[in-house]
Amino acid sequence: PTLTVQGPDSAQQIAIFEQLWQIVRDEYLYPDYNGADWEAIGAEYRRRVQAGMTPEAFYQAMDEMLAQLKDDHSVFLSPQEVAEEEAEYAGQTSYVGIGVLLSAVPERQRATIILTFPNSPAEAAGLQSHDNILSVDGQPILDEFGFLRSELLLGEPDTPVEIVVQRPGESPRSLTLVRRPISGAVPVPYTVLFTPKGKRIGYLLIATLADSTIDDQVGEALRQMNSQGELQGVILDNRYNSGGADTVARGVLSYFTYGRLGYFINRHQEQNWFAVRRKNVAGSAKMPLVVLIGQNTVSFGEILAGVLQSRKRAFLIGTPTEGNVELLRSYDFEDGSRAWIAHEKFIPINQPEQDWERMGIQPDLFIASNWDEVTLSTDPVILAALEYFDRP
């Protein structure tokens, strides 16, 4: 979506700044502000705002101010970014490109494909999860700092783009794709895998919980896979789950567990229960379950895995997560901008002594693999998961 705004004038900028600074002062999860001197930070940014800023510079400055808190969660969004966020949550993401969700791999100067969108140029060209894009129209896919240059893949409809791709274990090859409008929900790719002893295992890749359609997609995937033959287990690939909304996390969890799972607690020691109602799709409520985790499992992606582990509903395989289980609260401002502020942290009901924010989620079986160097059939983490289902 494209939103045209004039942006806040000087008086509005000062008012928004003061509101934001006071919200953090009074409501931020950590009363020590993670060691930041919030009074001094306020004085510095107040001076900068009062000196005058363009709307773009103002929005960037507010985000920079929140970054001083160093919680990797609290952010400030411009009105344009708010519109994009709301479209994503509604499952209405829209752009013109080739239809891939990418993750940068700076140590190998490439971007790896997490998933492709249905009916996209990428899917039509046979691109798959774990394939890697090395260059676009002769330019590196990453910039000099290792950040993704996703704008290279965007453009006008029906324009060609040449990419160099490499599938793990194969040589690079050049492909020319034609950009098309990409719209709709972030998909939940799924397939049936088989253990060494022939058990049918459903595999689902969950890349986000920021799209309100994800939980329904998980339910439909379970139905579809079970309709072809009874499932004897499920693998939730959570290794690139970037988190999202608590409502979506609850929806996914409801297929596998139920009840009070924990609570969020704020700086004033006020508790907010996190509970789900039980669903049972194709026997999912009692089906053996493996959840894959890693350093790119974030926020509600971590809570999803940790809850299922703490309730002994899932066996976790992979590498530890970074630890980022704060609940954000949104604050909207008069110009259409929005702040997401860390307001509460999660406490699992079965393990209240554990600090997931500090320790992250620990796997039951530690196995590492690089997404960009394996395929679905050669990934040692997935192979270990399949072997787990064959245990007596």
Protein backbone atom coordinates (compact mmCIF):
# COMPACT_ATOMS: atom_id res chain seq x y z
CA PRO A 1 0.00 0.00 0.00
CA THR A 2 1.09 3.56 -0.67
CA LEU A 3 0.10 6.26 1.78
CA THR A 4 0.63 9.94 1.00
CA VAL A 5 1.00 12.12 4.08
CA GLN A 6 2.19 15.65 4.64
CA GLY A 7 3.89 14.63 7.83
CA PRO A 8 3.72 16.37 11.21
CA ASP A 9 4.64 20.05 11.44
CA SER A 10 7.07 21.34 14.08
CA ALA A 11 4.45 21.66 16.80
CA GLN A 12 3.12 18.15 16.14
CA GLN A 13 6.64 16.72 16.12
CA ILE A 14 7.32 18.20 19.55
CA ALA A 15 3.99 16.88 20.87
CA ILE A 16 4.60 13.37 19.49
CA PHE A 17 8.13 13.35 20.88
CA GLU A 18 6.95 14.35 24.34
CA GLN A 19 4.21 11.70 24.30
CA LEU A 20 6.65 9.00 23.22
CA TRP A 21 9.30 9.95 25.75
CA GLN A 22 6.78 9.97 28.60
CA ILE A 23 5.28 6.62 27.55
CA VAL A 24 8.70 5.01 27.77
CA ARG A 25 9.45 6.77 31.07
CA ASP A 26 6.24 5.50 32.67
CA GLU A 27 5.43 2.20 30.95
CA TYR A 28 8.63 0.65 29.58
CA LEU A 29 9.14 -2.90 30.83
CA TYR A 30 12.55 -2.31 32.37
CA PRO A 31 12.56 0.49 34.99
CA ASP A 32 16.33 0.88 34.56
CA TYR A 33 15.82 1.36 30.78
CA ASN A 34 18.41 -1.36 30.16
CA GLY A 35 21.07 0.93 31.56
CA ALA A 36 20.21 3.87 29.29
CA ASP A 37 19.99 7.37 30.79
CA TRP A 38 16.47 8.13 29.60
CA GLU A 39 16.50 11.67 30.98
CA ALA A 40 19.68 12.52 29.05
CA ILE A 41 18.40 10.80 25.91
CA GLY A 42 15.20 12.84 26.18
CA ALA A 43 17.14 16.08 26.50
CA GLU A 44 19.24 15.28 23.43
CA TYR A 45 16.33 14.35 21.18
CA ARG A 46 14.16 17.19 22.48
CA ARG A 47 16.86 19.62 21.37
CA ARG A 48 17.09 17.97 17.95
CA VAL A 49 13.32 18.02 17.40
CA GLN A 50 12.98 21.62 18.53
CA ALA A 51 15.72 22.61 16.04
CA GLY A 52 13.43 21.46 13.19
CA MET A 53 13.27 18.29 11.12
CA THR A 54 11.72 17.00 7.94
CA PRO A 55 9.02 14.38 8.57
CA GLU A 56 11.33 11.62 7.32
CA ALA A 57 14.16 12.74 9.60
CA PHE A 58 11.75 13.00 12.53
CA TYR A 59 10.46 9.43 12.10
CA GLN A 60 13.99 8.13 11.83
CA ALA A 61 15.05 10.08 14.92
CA MET A 62 12.18 8.65 16.99
CA ASP A 63 13.16 5.13 15.96
CA GLU A 64 16.79 5.89 16.81
CA MET A 65 15.71 7.15 20.22
CA LEU A 66 13.93 3.88 20.99
CA ALA A 67 16.96 1.96 19.74
CA GLN A 68 18.90 3.46 22.65
CA LEU A 69 16.95 1.04 24.86
CA LYS A 70 18.72 -1.90 23.17
CA ASP A 71 15.90 -4.40 23.58
CA ASP A 72 15.74 -5.35 19.85
CA HIS A 73 11.97 -5.03 20.02
CA SER A 74 10.79 -1.46 20.66
CA VAL A 75 10.39 0.46 17.39
CA PHE A 76 8.80 3.56 15.91
CA LEU A 77 6.88 3.29 12.63
CA SER A 78 6.05 6.02 10.15
CA PRO A 79 2.46 6.21 8.81
CA GLN A 80 3.63 4.38 5.66
CA GLU A 81 5.15 1.58 7.75
CA VAL A 82 1.96 1.38 9.84
CA ALA A 83 -0.08 0.86 6.65
CA GLU A 84 2.31 -1.87 5.51
CA GLU A 85 2.18 -3.56 8.92
CA GLU A 86 -1.62 -3.57 8.96
CA ALA A 87 -1.76 -4.95 5.42
CA GLU A 88 0.59 -7.78 6.40
CA TYR A 89 -1.51 -8.66 9.44
CA ALA A 90 -4.64 -8.73 7.28
CA GLY A 91 -2.92 -11.10 4.84
CA GLN A 92 -2.96 -8.41 2.17
CA THR A 93 0.72 -7.82 1.47
CA SER A 94 1.07 -6.36 -2.02
CA TYR A 95 4.09 -5.52 -4.16
CA VAL A 96 5.58 -6.18 -7.59
CA GLY A 97 8.46 -8.63 -7.70
CA ILE A 98 9.25 -12.33 -8.04
CA GLY A 99 7.57 -13.62 -4.85
CA VAL A 100 10.21 -14.82 -2.42
CA LEU A 101 10.84 -14.39 1.29
CA LEU A 102 14.59 -14.00 1.74
CA SER A 103 17.14 -13.96 4.54
CA ALA A 104 20.60 -12.45 4.17
CA VAL A 105 23.65 -14.69 4.57
CA PRO A 106 26.46 -12.11 4.76
CA GLU A 107 29.19 -14.64 5.56
CA ARG A 108 28.65 -16.20 2.13
CA GLN A 109 27.49 -13.07 0.24
CA ARG A 110 24.09 -14.45 -0.66
CA ALA A 111 20.41 -14.35 0.24
CA THR A 112 18.69 -17.63 0.93
CA ILE A 113 15.05 -18.33 0.07
CA ILE A 114 12.90 -19.17 3.08
CA LEU A 115 9.77 -19.68 0.99
CA THR A 116 8.19 -18.78 -2.32
CA PHE A 117 4.71 -17.31 -2.76
CA PRO A 118 2.05 -19.34 -4.58
CA ASN A 119 1.51 -18.51 -8.26
CA SER A 120 4.58 -16.27 -8.27
CA PRO A 121 7.32 -15.97 -10.91
CA ALA A 122 9.69 -17.64 -8.45
CA GLU A 123 7.41 -20.65 -8.03
CA ALA A 124 6.86 -20.90 -11.79
CA ALA A 125 10.64 -20.89 -12.31
CA GLY A 126 11.04 -23.80 -9.90
CA LEU A 127 12.75 -21.86 -7.12
CA GLN A 128 12.52 -23.60 -3.78
CA SER A 129 13.15 -23.07 -0.11
CA HIS A 130 16.93 -23.25 0.57
CA ASP A 131 17.85 -22.00 -2.92
CA ASN A 132 20.17 -19.00 -2.85
CA ILE A 133 20.19 -15.77 -4.84
CA LEU A 134 23.72 -14.53 -5.50
CA SER A 135 23.10 -11.52 -7.74
CA VAL A 136 20.34 -9.52 -9.42
CA ASP A 137 20.92 -7.92 -12.83
CA GLY A 138 24.66 -8.29 -12.27
CA GLN A 139 24.64 -6.62 -8.86
CA PRO A 140 25.30 -8.37 -5.52
CA ILE A 141 22.12 -9.21 -3.61
CA LEU A 142 23.71 -7.87 -0.40
CA ASP A 143 25.21 -4.44 0.14
CA GLU A 144 28.69 -3.76 1.51
CA PHE A 145 27.37 -4.06 5.08
CA GLY A 146 25.73 -7.44 4.45
CA PHE A 147 22.16 -6.14 4.29
CA LEU A 148 19.61 -7.42 1.81
CA ARG A 149 19.10 -5.27 -1.29
CA SER A 150 15.52 -6.39 -1.77
CA GLU A 151 14.74 -3.32 -3.88
CA LEU A 152 16.71 -4.93 -6.73
CA LEU A 153 13.97 -7.53 -7.12
CA LEU A 154 11.16 -4.97 -7.12
CA GLY A 155 10.01 -3.00 -10.16
CA GLU A 156 7.22 -2.45 -12.61
CA PRO A 157 4.90 -5.27 -13.70
CA ASP A 158 6.04 -7.32 -16.71
CA THR A 159 9.67 -6.16 -16.48
CA PRO A 160 12.43 -8.78 -16.65
CA VAL A 161 14.98 -9.38 -13.92
CA GLU A 162 18.00 -11.65 -14.24
CA ILE A 163 19.10 -13.50 -11.12
CA VAL A 164 21.94 -15.90 -10.45
CA VAL A 165 20.74 -18.70 -8.17
CA GLN A 166 22.42 -21.67 -6.60
CA ARG A 167 20.79 -24.72 -5.10
CA PRO A 168 22.84 -26.36 -2.33
CA GLY A 169 25.16 -28.95 -3.86
CA GLU A 170 24.74 -27.59 -7.39
CA SER A 171 26.47 -25.01 -9.59
CA PRO A 172 25.14 -21.43 -9.93
CA ARG A 173 22.79 -20.80 -12.85
CA SER A 174 21.22 -17.72 -14.40
CA LEU A 175 17.47 -17.25 -14.67
CA THR A 176 15.38 -14.47 -16.16
CA LEU A 177 12.05 -13.92 -14.42
CA VAL A 178 9.30 -11.44 -15.23
CA ARG A 179 8.07 -9.38 -12.29
CA ARG A 180 4.39 -9.67 -11.43
CA PRO A 181 2.12 -8.30 -8.70
CA ILE A 182 2.43 -10.41 -5.54
CA SER A 183 -0.43 -10.19 -3.09
CA GLY A 184 -2.16 -12.10 -0.35
CA ALA A 185 -1.08 -13.89 2.79
CA VAL A 186 2.33 -15.20 3.71
CA PRO A 187 1.99 -18.93 2.96
CA VAL A 188 2.57 -21.87 5.28
CA PRO A 189 4.38 -24.40 3.05
CA TYR A 190 3.72 -28.02 3.96
CA THR A 191 4.51 -31.51 2.74
CA VAL A 192 4.50 -35.10 3.96
CA LEU A 193 7.85 -36.65 4.86
CA PHE A 194 8.63 -40.24 5.80
CA THR A 195 10.75 -41.60 8.62
CA PRO A 196 13.32 -44.36 7.98
CA LYS A 197 10.65 -46.82 9.18
CA GLY A 198 7.99 -45.39 6.89
CA LYS A 199 5.90 -43.27 9.26
CA ARG A 200 3.98 -40.40 7.66
CA ILE A 201 5.07 -37.09 9.17
CA GLY A 202 3.57 -33.71 8.33
CA TYR A 203 6.10 -30.91 7.82
CA LEU A 204 5.02 -27.25 8.13
CA LEU A 205 7.18 -24.16 7.76
CA ILE A 206 6.02 -21.19 9.84
CA ALA A 207 7.90 -18.04 8.86
CA THR A 208 5.80 -15.47 10.71
CA LEU A 209 3.03 -14.97 13.23
CA ALA A 210 2.38 -11.42 12.01
CA ASP A 211 -0.22 -12.56 9.46
CA SER A 212 -3.68 -13.25 10.92
CA THR A 213 -4.29 -16.08 8.41
CA ILE A 214 -1.37 -18.22 9.60
CA ASP A 215 -3.26 -20.21 12.23
CA ASP A 216 -6.07 -21.07 9.80
CA GLN A 217 -3.46 -22.08 7.22
CA VAL A 218 -1.85 -24.43 9.76
CA GLY A 219 -5.21 -26.07 10.42
CA GLU A 220 -5.92 -26.49 6.70
CA ALA A 221 -2.44 -27.93 6.12
CA LEU A 222 -3.03 -30.52 8.84
CA ARG A 223 -6.36 -31.47 7.28
CA GLN A 224 -4.94 -31.76 3.78
CA MET A 225 -1.95 -33.87 4.78
CA ASN A 226 -4.06 -36.18 6.95
CA SER A 227 -6.67 -36.63 4.20
CA GLN A 228 -4.03 -38.39 2.08
CA GLY A 229 -3.25 -40.86 4.86
CA GLU A 230 -3.14 -40.73 8.64
CA LEU A 231 -0.34 -38.56 10.00
CA GLN A 232 1.82 -40.12 12.70
CA GLY A 233 3.61 -36.95 13.73
CA VAL A 234 4.20 -33.30 12.88
CA ILE A 235 7.33 -31.19 12.41
CA LEU A 236 6.89 -27.45 12.92
CA ASP A 237 9.87 -25.73 11.29
CA ASN A 238 10.15 -22.63 13.44
CA ARG A 239 13.76 -21.73 12.64
CA TYR A 240 12.88 -18.58 10.69
CA ASN A 241 9.77 -17.60 12.62
CA SER A 242 10.11 -13.84 13.05
CA GLY A 243 7.26 -13.64 15.58
CA GLY A 244 4.17 -11.47 15.39
CA ALA A 245 0.87 -11.26 17.23
CA ASP A 246 -0.19 -13.11 20.37
CA THR A 247 -3.58 -13.89 18.81
CA VAL A 248 -1.91 -15.77 15.95
CA ALA A 249 0.45 -17.60 18.31
CA ARG A 250 -2.55 -18.68 20.38
CA GLY A 251 -4.27 -19.94 17.25
CA VAL A 252 -1.32 -22.11 16.24
CA LEU A 253 -0.79 -23.41 19.78
CA SER A 254 -4.47 -24.38 20.05
CA TYR A 255 -3.94 -27.27 17.63
CA PHE A 256 -1.40 -28.87 19.96
CA THR A 257 -2.16 -27.79 23.54
CA TYR A 258 -4.66 -25.81 25.59
CA GLY A 259 -5.31 -24.04 28.89
CA ARG A 260 -3.29 -21.43 30.75
CA LEU A 261 0.21 -21.59 29.34
CA GLY A 262 1.83 -18.72 31.20
CA TYR A 263 1.45 -15.04 31.81
CA PHE A 264 2.90 -11.68 30.88
CA ILE A 265 4.07 -9.40 33.66
CA ASN A 266 4.87 -5.68 33.47
CA ARG A 267 7.12 -3.41 35.53
CA HIS A 268 4.27 -2.83 37.98
CA GLN A 269 4.01 -6.63 38.56
CA GLU A 270 0.58 -6.76 36.94
CA GLN A 271 -0.12 -10.12 35.30
CA ASN A 272 -1.89 -10.89 32.05
CA TRP A 273 -2.69 -14.56 31.47
CA PHE A 274 -1.78 -16.26 28.19
CA ALA A 275 -4.29 -19.04 27.53
CA VAL A 276 -5.65 -20.93 24.52
CA ARG A 277 -8.72 -22.99 23.75
CA ARG A 278 -8.24 -26.47 22.43
CA LYS A 279 -8.71 -27.42 18.80
CA ASN A 280 -8.13 -30.90 17.45
CA VAL A 281 -7.49 -31.21 13.72
CA ALA A 282 -6.60 -34.65 12.39
CA GLY A 283 -5.59 -35.75 15.91
CA SER A 284 -3.18 -32.84 16.33
CA ALA A 285 -3.99 -32.45 20.03
CA LYS A 286 -2.14 -35.66 20.92
CA MET A 287 0.02 -36.22 17.86
CA PRO A 288 3.81 -36.57 18.45
CA LEU A 289 5.37 -33.20 17.73
CA VAL A 290 8.85 -31.89 16.96
CA VAL A 291 9.59 -28.16 16.80
CA LEU A 292 12.74 -26.91 15.07
CA ILE A 293 14.38 -23.78 16.52
CA GLY A 294 17.44 -21.62 15.94
CA GLN A 295 18.89 -18.15 16.29
CA ASN A 296 16.33 -16.76 13.83
CA THR A 297 13.42 -17.98 15.97
CA VAL A 298 12.22 -14.75 17.56
CA SER A 299 9.59 -13.35 19.92
CA PHE A 300 6.31 -15.30 19.74
CA GLY A 301 8.18 -17.86 17.67
CA GLU A 302 10.23 -18.52 20.81
CA ILE A 303 7.19 -18.54 23.07
CA LEU A 304 5.45 -21.00 20.73
CA ALA A 305 8.37 -23.44 20.97
CA GLY A 306 9.06 -22.87 24.66
CA VAL A 307 5.46 -23.40 25.72
CA LEU A 308 5.16 -26.67 23.81
CA GLN A 309 8.44 -27.87 25.32
CA SER A 310 7.54 -26.84 28.89
CA ARG A 311 4.23 -28.69 28.66
CA LYS A 312 6.04 -31.75 27.29
CA ARG A 313 4.03 -31.55 24.09
CA ALA A 314 7.01 -31.17 21.79
CA PHE A 315 10.59 -32.27 21.42
CA LEU A 316 12.80 -29.37 20.34
CA ILE A 317 15.69 -29.85 17.89
CA GLY A 318 18.13 -27.24 16.61
CA THR A 319 20.16 -24.51 18.29
CA PRO A 320 19.29 -22.08 21.12
CA THR A 321 17.25 -18.98 20.37
CA GLU A 322 18.53 -15.49 21.21
CA GLY A 323 15.90 -14.70 23.87
CA ASN A 324 13.38 -12.02 22.97
CA VAL A 325 10.04 -12.81 24.56
CA GLU A 326 8.73 -9.38 25.46
CA LEU A 327 5.14 -8.43 24.71
CA LEU A 328 4.87 -5.13 22.88
CA ARG A 329 2.13 -2.57 23.36
CA SER A 330 1.24 -0.24 20.51
CA TYR A 331 0.76 3.49 20.91
CA ASP A 332 -0.75 5.43 18.00
CA PHE A 333 -0.11 9.11 17.39
CA GLU A 334 -2.16 11.85 15.72
CA ASP A 335 -0.20 11.78 12.44
CA GLY A 336 -0.77 8.04 11.91
CA SER A 337 2.63 6.96 13.23
CA ARG A 338 2.95 4.22 15.84
CA ALA A 339 5.34 3.08 18.54
CA TRP A 340 5.69 -0.50 19.69
CA ILE A 341 7.11 -0.51 23.21
CA ALA A 342 8.27 -3.52 25.25
CA HIS A 343 5.66 -3.58 28.01
CA GLU A 344 5.59 -7.08 29.50
CA LYS A 345 7.68 -10.26 29.52
CA PHE A 346 6.51 -13.87 29.36
CA ILE A 347 6.64 -16.29 32.30
CA PRO A 348 5.84 -19.98 31.49
CA ILE A 349 3.36 -21.43 33.97
CA ASN A 350 5.19 -24.76 34.28
CA GLN A 351 8.65 -23.19 34.68
CA PRO A 352 8.19 -19.78 36.33
CA GLU A 353 11.81 -19.73 37.45
CA GLN A 354 13.10 -19.71 33.86
CA ASP A 355 14.07 -16.41 32.26
CA TRP A 356 13.54 -16.98 28.55
CA GLU A 357 14.45 -13.38 27.82
CA ARG A 358 17.94 -13.98 29.23
CA MET A 359 18.48 -17.64 28.37
CA GLY A 360 16.48 -18.10 25.18
CA ILE A 361 14.82 -21.41 24.37
CA GLN A 362 17.14 -24.41 24.63
CA PRO A 363 16.67 -27.42 22.32
CA ASP A 364 16.31 -30.94 23.68
CA LEU A 365 18.69 -32.08 20.94
CA PHE A 366 21.40 -29.71 19.70
CA ILE A 367 21.99 -30.01 15.96
CA ALA A 368 23.15 -27.15 13.76
CA SER A 369 22.83 -26.67 10.03
CA ASN A 370 23.07 -23.72 7.66
CA TRP A 371 19.79 -23.20 5.81
CA ASP A 372 21.58 -22.02 2.65
CA GLU A 373 23.83 -25.11 2.49
CA VAL A 374 21.21 -27.88 2.75
CA THR A 375 17.96 -28.91 1.12
CA LEU A 376 14.80 -30.31 2.68
CA SER A 377 16.06 -33.84 1.99
CA THR A 378 19.63 -33.31 3.26
CA ASP A 379 19.03 -31.04 6.26
CA PRO A 380 20.49 -32.83 9.32
CA VAL A 381 18.00 -31.10 11.62
CA ILE A 382 15.03 -32.47 9.67
CA LEU A 383 16.67 -35.90 9.37
CA ALA A 384 17.14 -35.97 13.15
CA ALA A 385 13.48 -35.05 13.59
CA LEU A 386 12.38 -37.90 11.37
CA GLU A 387 14.58 -40.33 13.30
CA TYR A 388 13.03 -39.08 16.56
CA PHE A 389 9.59 -40.32 15.48
CA ASP A 390 10.99 -43.83 15.05
CA ARG A 391 12.19 -44.02 18.68
CA PRO A 392 10.50 -46.70 20.76
